[in-house]
């Protein structure tokens, strides 16, 4: 059995109007619960707090003022965890929330405490639900892009800390392409990546919509962290959470970045 870290992006969890996509969320929870029942250890890194908060507060769009962004994050995070607890609870799975800032993963003493907490949660059969702590931290949301890149980088750091066997990024794209498929109809998806070359980096694209700040560039940053830690990482389309079954079975799905031998 494997320890699987799964990161779900904002664009996967929400509709175009930023309201929560409840059907998609329920499908993801069902698959993760089933994988846990099969014996796998699951760690979930979930984005979406600011976007959901913006919708619940009936704001016209992503606010530019930092206090309003943080207020939206606080409201949205409450809504996210309420629904995760409800959906997972229907499959008799317990979840626990962990909110992180950049400093939490950079300070050795805090990092050690965090790691002990994560290990205890997994041992107790709890699925950790991890997100950026946007409501109290300012550096992550002052600019257009989060420091963690809509949690792409954060999920890689968590996967490394927890010694996950694999990290799966559920995104709004099928995998890594040699160039932007939204602009080039003949773009080719790469099934395997063993080295992050300059050519691959140059083909990376930016964030897709205001709902999510992570783009392909931040996913390559996450891949670099995982590969250097000896962890495989996969990018696949979050529209099909059932792909996680095939990934757990070792089948080819999306783009797989192979971790370096340690």
C-alpha atoms as a PDB file:
ATOM      1  CA  UNK A   1       0.000   0.000   0.000  1.00  0.00           C
ATOM      2  CA  UNK A   2       1.153   3.545  -0.737  1.00  0.00           C
ATOM      3  CA  UNK A   3       1.175   6.915   0.979  1.00  0.00           C
ATOM      4  CA  UNK A   4      -0.464   9.171  -1.607  1.00  0.00           C
ATOM      5  CA  UNK A   5      -0.459  12.964  -1.402  1.00  0.00           C
ATOM      6  CA  UNK A   6      -3.164  14.573  -3.534  1.00  0.00           C
ATOM      7  CA  UNK A   7      -3.377  18.268  -4.321  1.00  0.00           C
ATOM      8  CA  UNK A   8      -6.620  19.653  -5.726  1.00  0.00           C
ATOM      9  CA  UNK A   9      -6.631  23.088  -7.337  1.00  0.00           C
ATOM     10  CA  UNK A  10      -9.192  25.856  -7.107  1.00  0.00           C
ATOM     11  CA  UNK A  11     -10.322  25.466 -10.703  1.00  0.00           C
ATOM     12  CA  UNK A  12     -11.154  21.809 -10.039  1.00  0.00           C
ATOM     13  CA  UNK A  13     -13.204  22.537  -6.916  1.00  0.00           C
ATOM     14  CA  UNK A  14     -15.216  25.448  -8.272  1.00  0.00           C
ATOM     15  CA  UNK A  15     -17.445  26.432 -11.162  1.00  0.00           C
ATOM     16  CA  UNK A  16     -16.558  29.303 -13.492  1.00  0.00           C
ATOM     17  CA  UNK A  17     -18.516  31.679 -11.223  1.00  0.00           C
ATOM     18  CA  UNK A  18     -16.311  30.595  -8.279  1.00  0.00           C
ATOM     19  CA  UNK A  19     -19.077  28.754  -6.423  1.00  0.00           C
ATOM     20  CA  UNK A  20     -18.171  25.307  -5.138  1.00  0.00           C
ATOM     21  CA  UNK A  21     -18.637  22.434  -7.574  1.00  0.00           C
ATOM     22  CA  UNK A  22     -20.339  20.100  -5.106  1.00  0.00           C
ATOM     23  CA  UNK A  23     -20.667  17.176  -7.517  1.00  0.00           C
ATOM     24  CA  UNK A  24     -16.955  17.304  -8.347  1.00  0.00           C
ATOM     25  CA  UNK A  25     -16.019  17.622  -4.703  1.00  0.00           C
ATOM     26  CA  UNK A  26     -18.184  14.645  -3.736  1.00  0.00           C
ATOM     27  CA  UNK A  27     -16.642  12.484  -6.503  1.00  0.00           C
ATOM     28  CA  UNK A  28     -13.146  13.317  -5.283  1.00  0.00           C
ATOM     29  CA  UNK A  29     -14.046  12.522  -1.682  1.00  0.00           C
ATOM     30  CA  UNK A  30     -15.603   9.198  -2.694  1.00  0.00           C
ATOM     31  CA  UNK A  31     -12.465   8.108  -4.552  1.00  0.00           C
ATOM     32  CA  UNK A  32     -10.123   9.192  -1.755  1.00  0.00           C
ATOM     33  CA  UNK A  33     -12.276   7.413   0.831  1.00  0.00           C
ATOM     34  CA  UNK A  34     -12.267   4.250  -1.269  1.00  0.00           C
ATOM     35  CA  UNK A  35      -8.492   4.366  -1.683  1.00  0.00           C
ATOM     36  CA  UNK A  36      -8.159   4.755   2.080  1.00  0.00           C
ATOM     37  CA  UNK A  37     -10.437   1.750   2.583  1.00  0.00           C
ATOM     38  CA  UNK A  38      -8.136  -0.216   0.274  1.00  0.00           C
ATOM     39  CA  UNK A  39      -5.255   0.454   2.654  1.00  0.00           C
ATOM     40  CA  UNK A  40      -3.601   3.525   1.165  1.00  0.00           C
ATOM     41  CA  UNK A  41      -2.624   6.478   3.346  1.00  0.00           C
ATOM     42  CA  UNK A  42      -4.085   9.721   1.982  1.00  0.00           C
ATOM     43  CA  UNK A  43      -2.915  13.307   2.505  1.00  0.00           C
ATOM     44  CA  UNK A  44      -5.026  16.016   0.844  1.00  0.00           C
ATOM     45  CA  UNK A  45      -3.759  19.500   0.000  1.00  0.00           C
ATOM     46  CA  UNK A  46      -6.729  21.639  -0.989  1.00  0.00           C
ATOM     47  CA  UNK A  47      -6.873  25.118  -2.495  1.00  0.00           C
ATOM     48  CA  UNK A  48      -9.989  27.218  -2.978  1.00  0.00           C
ATOM     49  CA  UNK A  49     -10.525  29.210   0.230  1.00  0.00           C
ATOM     50  CA  UNK A  50     -10.278  32.716  -1.228  1.00  0.00           C
ATOM     51  CA  UNK A  51     -12.334  31.890  -4.299  1.00  0.00           C
ATOM     52  CA  UNK A  52     -15.100  30.261  -2.239  1.00  0.00           C
ATOM     53  CA  UNK A  53     -15.049  33.146   0.245  1.00  0.00           C
ATOM     54  CA  UNK A  54     -15.374  35.677  -2.570  1.00  0.00           C
ATOM     55  CA  UNK A  55     -18.477  33.871  -3.813  1.00  0.00           C
ATOM     56  CA  UNK A  56     -20.057  33.452  -0.381  1.00  0.00           C
ATOM     57  CA  UNK A  57     -19.499  37.122   0.456  1.00  0.00           C
ATOM     58  CA  UNK A  58     -21.056  38.047  -2.911  1.00  0.00           C
ATOM     59  CA  UNK A  59     -18.020  40.082  -3.939  1.00  0.00           C
ATOM     60  CA  UNK A  60     -17.820  41.093  -7.628  1.00  0.00           C
ATOM     61  CA  UNK A  61     -14.414  39.455  -8.072  1.00  0.00           C
ATOM     62  CA  UNK A  62     -11.096  38.753  -6.377  1.00  0.00           C
ATOM     63  CA  UNK A  63     -10.494  41.781  -4.117  1.00  0.00           C
ATOM     64  CA  UNK A  64      -7.312  43.822  -4.324  1.00  0.00           C
ATOM     65  CA  UNK A  65      -7.277  44.954  -0.680  1.00  0.00           C
ATOM     66  CA  UNK A  66      -5.289  42.578   1.543  1.00  0.00           C
ATOM     67  CA  UNK A  67      -7.698  42.642   4.553  1.00  0.00           C
ATOM     68  CA  UNK A  68     -10.621  41.789   2.275  1.00  0.00           C
ATOM     69  CA  UNK A  69      -8.652  38.914   0.725  1.00  0.00           C
ATOM     70  CA  UNK A  70      -7.893  37.573   4.186  1.00  0.00           C
ATOM     71  CA  UNK A  71     -11.507  37.920   5.250  1.00  0.00           C
ATOM     72  CA  UNK A  72     -12.570  36.010   2.139  1.00  0.00           C
ATOM     73  CA  UNK A  73     -10.006  33.309   2.937  1.00  0.00           C
ATOM     74  CA  UNK A  74     -11.338  32.921   6.488  1.00  0.00           C
ATOM     75  CA  UNK A  75     -14.935  32.612   5.295  1.00  0.00           C
ATOM     76  CA  UNK A  76     -14.044  30.314   2.417  1.00  0.00           C
ATOM     77  CA  UNK A  77     -11.881  28.004   4.529  1.00  0.00           C
ATOM     78  CA  UNK A  78     -14.759  27.530   6.965  1.00  0.00           C
ATOM     79  CA  UNK A  79     -17.052  26.566   4.098  1.00  0.00           C
ATOM     80  CA  UNK A  80     -14.482  24.209   2.559  1.00  0.00           C
ATOM     81  CA  UNK A  81     -13.853  22.280   5.764  1.00  0.00           C
ATOM     82  CA  UNK A  82     -17.556  22.086   6.571  1.00  0.00           C
ATOM     83  CA  UNK A  83     -18.175  20.346   3.250  1.00  0.00           C
ATOM     84  CA  UNK A  84     -15.091  18.114   3.461  1.00  0.00           C
ATOM     85  CA  UNK A  85     -16.177  16.981   6.915  1.00  0.00           C
ATOM     86  CA  UNK A  86     -19.709  16.340   5.660  1.00  0.00           C
ATOM     87  CA  UNK A  87     -18.720  14.451   2.497  1.00  0.00           C
ATOM     88  CA  UNK A  88     -15.955  12.363   4.090  1.00  0.00           C
ATOM     89  CA  UNK A  89     -18.222  11.657   7.055  1.00  0.00           C
ATOM     90  CA  UNK A  90     -20.699   9.950   4.751  1.00  0.00           C
ATOM     91  CA  UNK A  91     -17.977   7.339   4.117  1.00  0.00           C
ATOM     92  CA  UNK A  92     -17.032   7.092   7.812  1.00  0.00           C
ATOM     93  CA  UNK A  93     -13.735   8.900   7.198  1.00  0.00           C
ATOM     94  CA  UNK A  94     -12.450  11.482   9.678  1.00  0.00           C
ATOM     95  CA  UNK A  95     -10.603  14.571   8.438  1.00  0.00           C
ATOM     96  CA  UNK A  96      -8.518  17.183  10.227  1.00  0.00           C
ATOM     97  CA  UNK A  97      -7.500  20.675   9.133  1.00  0.00           C
ATOM     98  CA  UNK A  98      -3.938  21.998   9.010  1.00  0.00           C
ATOM     99  CA  UNK A  99      -3.273  25.577   7.857  1.00  0.00           C
ATOM    100  CA  UNK A 100       0.300  26.555   7.009  1.00  0.00           C
ATOM    101  CA  UNK A 101       2.348  29.636   6.216  1.00  0.00           C
ATOM    102  CA  UNK A 102       5.742  29.805   4.562  1.00  0.00           C
ATOM    103  CA  UNK A 103       7.416  30.287   7.933  1.00  0.00           C
ATOM    104  CA  UNK A 104       5.885  27.070   9.249  1.00  0.00           C
ATOM    105  CA  UNK A 105       7.775  24.952   6.736  1.00  0.00           C
ATOM    106  CA  UNK A 106      11.001  26.958   6.996  1.00  0.00           C
ATOM    107  CA  UNK A 107      11.501  26.983  10.789  1.00  0.00           C
ATOM    108  CA  UNK A 108      12.983  23.632  11.939  1.00  0.00           C
ATOM    109  CA  UNK A 109      11.183  23.539  15.311  1.00  0.00           C
ATOM    110  CA  UNK A 110       7.769  24.280  13.819  1.00  0.00           C
ATOM    111  CA  UNK A 111       8.423  21.936  10.925  1.00  0.00           C
ATOM    112  CA  UNK A 112       9.247  19.093  13.336  1.00  0.00           C
ATOM    113  CA  UNK A 113       6.045  19.700  15.305  1.00  0.00           C
ATOM    114  CA  UNK A 114       4.063  19.793  12.069  1.00  0.00           C
ATOM    115  CA  UNK A 115       5.599  16.540  10.900  1.00  0.00           C
ATOM    116  CA  UNK A 116       4.806  14.822  14.197  1.00  0.00           C
ATOM    117  CA  UNK A 117       1.204  16.012  13.953  1.00  0.00           C
ATOM    118  CA  UNK A 118       0.839  14.757  10.382  1.00  0.00           C
ATOM    119  CA  UNK A 119       2.281  11.353  11.246  1.00  0.00           C
ATOM    120  CA  UNK A 120      -0.043  11.077  14.259  1.00  0.00           C
ATOM    121  CA  UNK A 121      -3.076  11.966  12.146  1.00  0.00           C
ATOM    122  CA  UNK A 122      -2.235   9.380   9.505  1.00  0.00           C
ATOM    123  CA  UNK A 123      -1.563   6.739  12.170  1.00  0.00           C
ATOM    124  CA  UNK A 124      -4.978   7.484  13.699  1.00  0.00           C
ATOM    125  CA  UNK A 125      -6.633   6.981  10.334  1.00  0.00           C
ATOM    126  CA  UNK A 126      -7.347  10.684   9.810  1.00  0.00           C
ATOM    127  CA  UNK A 127      -6.983  12.332   6.393  1.00  0.00           C
ATOM    128  CA  UNK A 128      -5.157  15.671   6.846  1.00  0.00           C
ATOM    129  CA  UNK A 129      -6.650  18.492   4.772  1.00  0.00           C
ATOM    130  CA  UNK A 130      -3.913  21.080   4.288  1.00  0.00           C
ATOM    131  CA  UNK A 131      -4.129  24.611   2.921  1.00  0.00           C
ATOM    132  CA  UNK A 132      -2.290  27.922   3.065  1.00  0.00           C
ATOM    133  CA  UNK A 133      -3.203  30.011   6.087  1.00  0.00           C
ATOM    134  CA  UNK A 134      -4.152  33.052   4.014  1.00  0.00           C
ATOM    135  CA  UNK A 135      -6.263  34.652   6.729  1.00  0.00           C
ATOM    136  CA  UNK A 136      -3.248  35.427   8.959  1.00  0.00           C
ATOM    137  CA  UNK A 137      -0.317  35.496   6.559  1.00  0.00           C
ATOM    138  CA  UNK A 138       0.202  38.409   4.215  1.00  0.00           C
ATOM    139  CA  UNK A 139       3.154  37.543   2.004  1.00  0.00           C
ATOM    140  CA  UNK A 140       1.381  34.656   0.276  1.00  0.00           C
ATOM    141  CA  UNK A 141      -1.516  36.748  -1.055  1.00  0.00           C
ATOM    142  CA  UNK A 142      -0.152  40.276  -1.426  1.00  0.00           C
ATOM    143  CA  UNK A 143       0.748  39.595  -5.045  1.00  0.00           C
ATOM    144  CA  UNK A 144      -1.268  38.008  -7.839  1.00  0.00           C
ATOM    145  CA  UNK A 145       0.382  34.632  -7.249  1.00  0.00           C
ATOM    146  CA  UNK A 146       0.690  32.859  -3.925  1.00  0.00           C
ATOM    147  CA  UNK A 147       4.164  32.055  -2.670  1.00  0.00           C
ATOM    148  CA  UNK A 148       3.062  28.437  -2.783  1.00  0.00           C
ATOM    149  CA  UNK A 149       1.526  28.807  -6.271  1.00  0.00           C
ATOM    150  CA  UNK A 150      -2.050  27.826  -5.429  1.00  0.00           C
ATOM    151  CA  UNK A 151      -0.548  25.147  -3.175  1.00  0.00           C
ATOM    152  CA  UNK A 152       1.478  23.393  -5.892  1.00  0.00           C
ATOM    153  CA  UNK A 153       4.770  24.057  -4.120  1.00  0.00           C
ATOM    154  CA  UNK A 154       3.211  23.506  -0.696  1.00  0.00           C
ATOM    155  CA  UNK A 155       1.959  20.066  -1.722  1.00  0.00           C
ATOM    156  CA  UNK A 156       5.465  19.091  -2.856  1.00  0.00           C
ATOM    157  CA  UNK A 157       6.966  20.272   0.431  1.00  0.00           C
ATOM    158  CA  UNK A 158       4.334  18.293   2.351  1.00  0.00           C
ATOM    159  CA  UNK A 159       4.941  15.198   0.201  1.00  0.00           C
ATOM    160  CA  UNK A 160       8.665  15.460   0.952  1.00  0.00           C
ATOM    161  CA  UNK A 161       8.143  15.957   4.685  1.00  0.00           C
ATOM    162  CA  UNK A 162       5.727  13.046   4.931  1.00  0.00           C
ATOM    163  CA  UNK A 163       7.868  10.798   2.731  1.00  0.00           C
ATOM    164  CA  UNK A 164       4.942  10.208   0.394  1.00  0.00           C
ATOM    165  CA  UNK A 165       5.353   7.569  -2.294  1.00  0.00           C
ATOM    166  CA  UNK A 166       3.736   9.819  -4.881  1.00  0.00           C
ATOM    167  CA  UNK A 167       2.210  13.281  -5.269  1.00  0.00           C
ATOM    168  CA  UNK A 168      -0.745  13.755  -7.621  1.00  0.00           C
ATOM    169  CA  UNK A 169      -1.650  17.269  -8.769  1.00  0.00           C
ATOM    170  CA  UNK A 170      -5.277  17.416  -9.880  1.00  0.00           C
ATOM    171  CA  UNK A 171      -5.452  20.363 -12.233  1.00  0.00           C
ATOM    172  CA  UNK A 172      -7.536  21.773 -15.088  1.00  0.00           C
ATOM    173  CA  UNK A 173      -5.264  20.210 -17.694  1.00  0.00           C
ATOM    174  CA  UNK A 174      -4.498  16.609 -18.679  1.00  0.00           C
ATOM    175  CA  UNK A 175      -0.748  16.910 -18.136  1.00  0.00           C
ATOM    176  CA  UNK A 176       2.398  18.750 -19.208  1.00  0.00           C
ATOM    177  CA  UNK A 177       2.496  19.786 -22.862  1.00  0.00           C
ATOM    178  CA  UNK A 178       5.454  20.851 -24.952  1.00  0.00           C
ATOM    179  CA  UNK A 179       3.636  24.171 -25.414  1.00  0.00           C
ATOM    180  CA  UNK A 180       0.367  25.833 -24.403  1.00  0.00           C
ATOM    181  CA  UNK A 181      -2.460  23.627 -25.784  1.00  0.00           C
ATOM    182  CA  UNK A 182      -4.878  26.556 -25.479  1.00  0.00           C
ATOM    183  CA  UNK A 183      -2.912  28.379 -28.155  1.00  0.00           C
ATOM    184  CA  UNK A 184      -1.435  25.489 -30.152  1.00  0.00           C
ATOM    185  CA  UNK A 185      -3.801  22.761 -31.374  1.00  0.00           C
ATOM    186  CA  UNK A 186      -0.860  20.494 -32.233  1.00  0.00           C
ATOM    187  CA  UNK A 187       0.675  20.660 -28.722  1.00  0.00           C
ATOM    188  CA  UNK A 188       1.882  17.260 -27.505  1.00  0.00           C
ATOM    189  CA  UNK A 189       1.475  15.958 -23.963  1.00  0.00           C
ATOM    190  CA  UNK A 190       4.571  14.468 -22.357  1.00  0.00           C
ATOM    191  CA  UNK A 191       3.813  11.158 -20.654  1.00  0.00           C
ATOM    192  CA  UNK A 192       7.130  10.861 -18.822  1.00  0.00           C
ATOM    193  CA  UNK A 193       9.665  13.400 -17.575  1.00  0.00           C
ATOM    194  CA  UNK A 194      12.977  12.212 -16.160  1.00  0.00           C
ATOM    195  CA  UNK A 195      14.735  15.587 -16.238  1.00  0.00           C
ATOM    196  CA  UNK A 196      13.491  19.175 -16.196  1.00  0.00           C
ATOM    197  CA  UNK A 197      15.223  20.656 -19.226  1.00  0.00           C
ATOM    198  CA  UNK A 198      15.290  24.275 -20.375  1.00  0.00           C
ATOM    199  CA  UNK A 199      12.993  23.308 -23.236  1.00  0.00           C
ATOM    200  CA  UNK A 200      10.395  21.973 -20.804  1.00  0.00           C
ATOM    201  CA  UNK A 201      10.619  25.061 -18.629  1.00  0.00           C
ATOM    202  CA  UNK A 202      10.236  27.393 -21.589  1.00  0.00           C
ATOM    203  CA  UNK A 203       7.060  25.591 -22.622  1.00  0.00           C
ATOM    204  CA  UNK A 204       5.443  26.152 -19.211  1.00  0.00           C
ATOM    205  CA  UNK A 205       2.448  28.463 -19.137  1.00  0.00           C
ATOM    206  CA  UNK A 206       1.055  30.830 -16.521  1.00  0.00           C
ATOM    207  CA  UNK A 207      -2.098  30.797 -14.412  1.00  0.00           C
ATOM    208  CA  UNK A 208      -5.332  30.078 -16.218  1.00  0.00           C
ATOM    209  CA  UNK A 209      -8.054  32.013 -14.357  1.00  0.00           C
ATOM    210  CA  UNK A 210      -8.390  34.400 -11.430  1.00  0.00           C
ATOM    211  CA  UNK A 211      -9.854  31.559  -9.359  1.00  0.00           C
ATOM    212  CA  UNK A 212      -6.465  29.815  -9.155  1.00  0.00           C
ATOM    213  CA  UNK A 213      -3.001  31.314  -8.994  1.00  0.00           C
ATOM    214  CA  UNK A 214      -1.091  28.166  -9.850  1.00  0.00           C
ATOM    215  CA  UNK A 215       0.059  27.593 -13.416  1.00  0.00           C
ATOM    216  CA  UNK A 216       2.353  25.120 -15.110  1.00  0.00           C
ATOM    217  CA  UNK A 217       5.417  27.003 -13.899  1.00  0.00           C
ATOM    218  CA  UNK A 218       4.512  26.377 -10.248  1.00  0.00           C
ATOM    219  CA  UNK A 219       3.794  22.738 -11.085  1.00  0.00           C
ATOM    220  CA  UNK A 220       7.296  22.372 -12.489  1.00  0.00           C
ATOM    221  CA  UNK A 221       8.642  23.907  -9.280  1.00  0.00           C
ATOM    222  CA  UNK A 222       6.702  21.283  -7.352  1.00  0.00           C
ATOM    223  CA  UNK A 223       8.021  18.572  -9.663  1.00  0.00           C
ATOM    224  CA  UNK A 224      11.596  19.701  -9.033  1.00  0.00           C
ATOM    225  CA  UNK A 225      11.125  19.431  -5.269  1.00  0.00           C
ATOM    226  CA  UNK A 226       9.628  15.954  -5.598  1.00  0.00           C
ATOM    227  CA  UNK A 227      12.168  14.665  -8.096  1.00  0.00           C
ATOM    228  CA  UNK A 228      15.069  15.840  -5.942  1.00  0.00           C
ATOM    229  CA  UNK A 229      13.458  14.093  -2.962  1.00  0.00           C
ATOM    230  CA  UNK A 230      13.094  10.839  -4.894  1.00  0.00           C
ATOM    231  CA  UNK A 231       9.293  11.142  -5.101  1.00  0.00           C
ATOM    232  CA  UNK A 232       7.295  10.617  -8.294  1.00  0.00           C
ATOM    233  CA  UNK A 233       4.785  13.330  -9.171  1.00  0.00           C
ATOM    234  CA  UNK A 234       1.860  13.168 -11.600  1.00  0.00           C
ATOM    235  CA  UNK A 235      -0.150  15.955 -13.201  1.00  0.00           C
ATOM    236  CA  UNK A 236      -3.600  14.885 -14.353  1.00  0.00           C
ATOM    237  CA  UNK A 237      -7.025  16.390 -14.965  1.00  0.00           C
ATOM    238  CA  UNK A 238      -9.103  16.910 -11.838  1.00  0.00           C
ATOM    239  CA  UNK A 239     -12.269  16.471 -13.890  1.00  0.00           C
ATOM    240  CA  UNK A 240     -11.618  12.737 -13.608  1.00  0.00           C
ATOM    241  CA  UNK A 241     -10.794  11.910  -9.958  1.00  0.00           C
ATOM    242  CA  UNK A 242     -11.323   8.231 -10.845  1.00  0.00           C
ATOM    243  CA  UNK A 243      -7.878   8.401 -12.470  1.00  0.00           C
ATOM    244  CA  UNK A 244      -6.503   8.110  -8.946  1.00  0.00           C
ATOM    245  CA  UNK A 245      -7.461   4.418  -9.017  1.00  0.00           C
ATOM    246  CA  UNK A 246      -5.294   3.847 -12.090  1.00  0.00           C
ATOM    247  CA  UNK A 247      -2.458   5.850 -10.570  1.00  0.00           C
ATOM    248  CA  UNK A 248      -2.596   3.733  -7.414  1.00  0.00           C
ATOM    249  CA  UNK A 249      -2.404   0.663  -9.645  1.00  0.00           C
ATOM    250  CA  UNK A 250       0.699   2.011 -11.397  1.00  0.00           C
ATOM    251  CA  UNK A 251      -0.961   2.707 -14.741  1.00  0.00           C
ATOM    252  CA  UNK A 252       0.032   5.564 -17.044  1.00  0.00           C
ATOM    253  CA  UNK A 253      -2.093   8.643 -16.427  1.00  0.00           C
ATOM    254  CA  UNK A 254      -1.259  12.261 -17.294  1.00  0.00           C
ATOM    255  CA  UNK A 255       2.387  13.295 -17.015  1.00  0.00           C
ATOM    256  CA  UNK A 256       4.635  11.441 -14.594  1.00  0.00           C
ATOM    257  CA  UNK A 257       7.785  13.079 -13.236  1.00  0.00           C
ATOM    258  CA  UNK A 258      10.179  10.420 -11.983  1.00  0.00           C
ATOM    259  CA  UNK A 259      11.979  10.967  -8.694  1.00  0.00           C
ATOM    260  CA  UNK A 260      15.737  10.694  -8.700  1.00  0.00           C
ATOM    261  CA  UNK A 261      17.333   7.662  -7.097  1.00  0.00           C
ATOM    262  CA  UNK A 262      18.497   8.534  -3.598  1.00  0.00           C
END
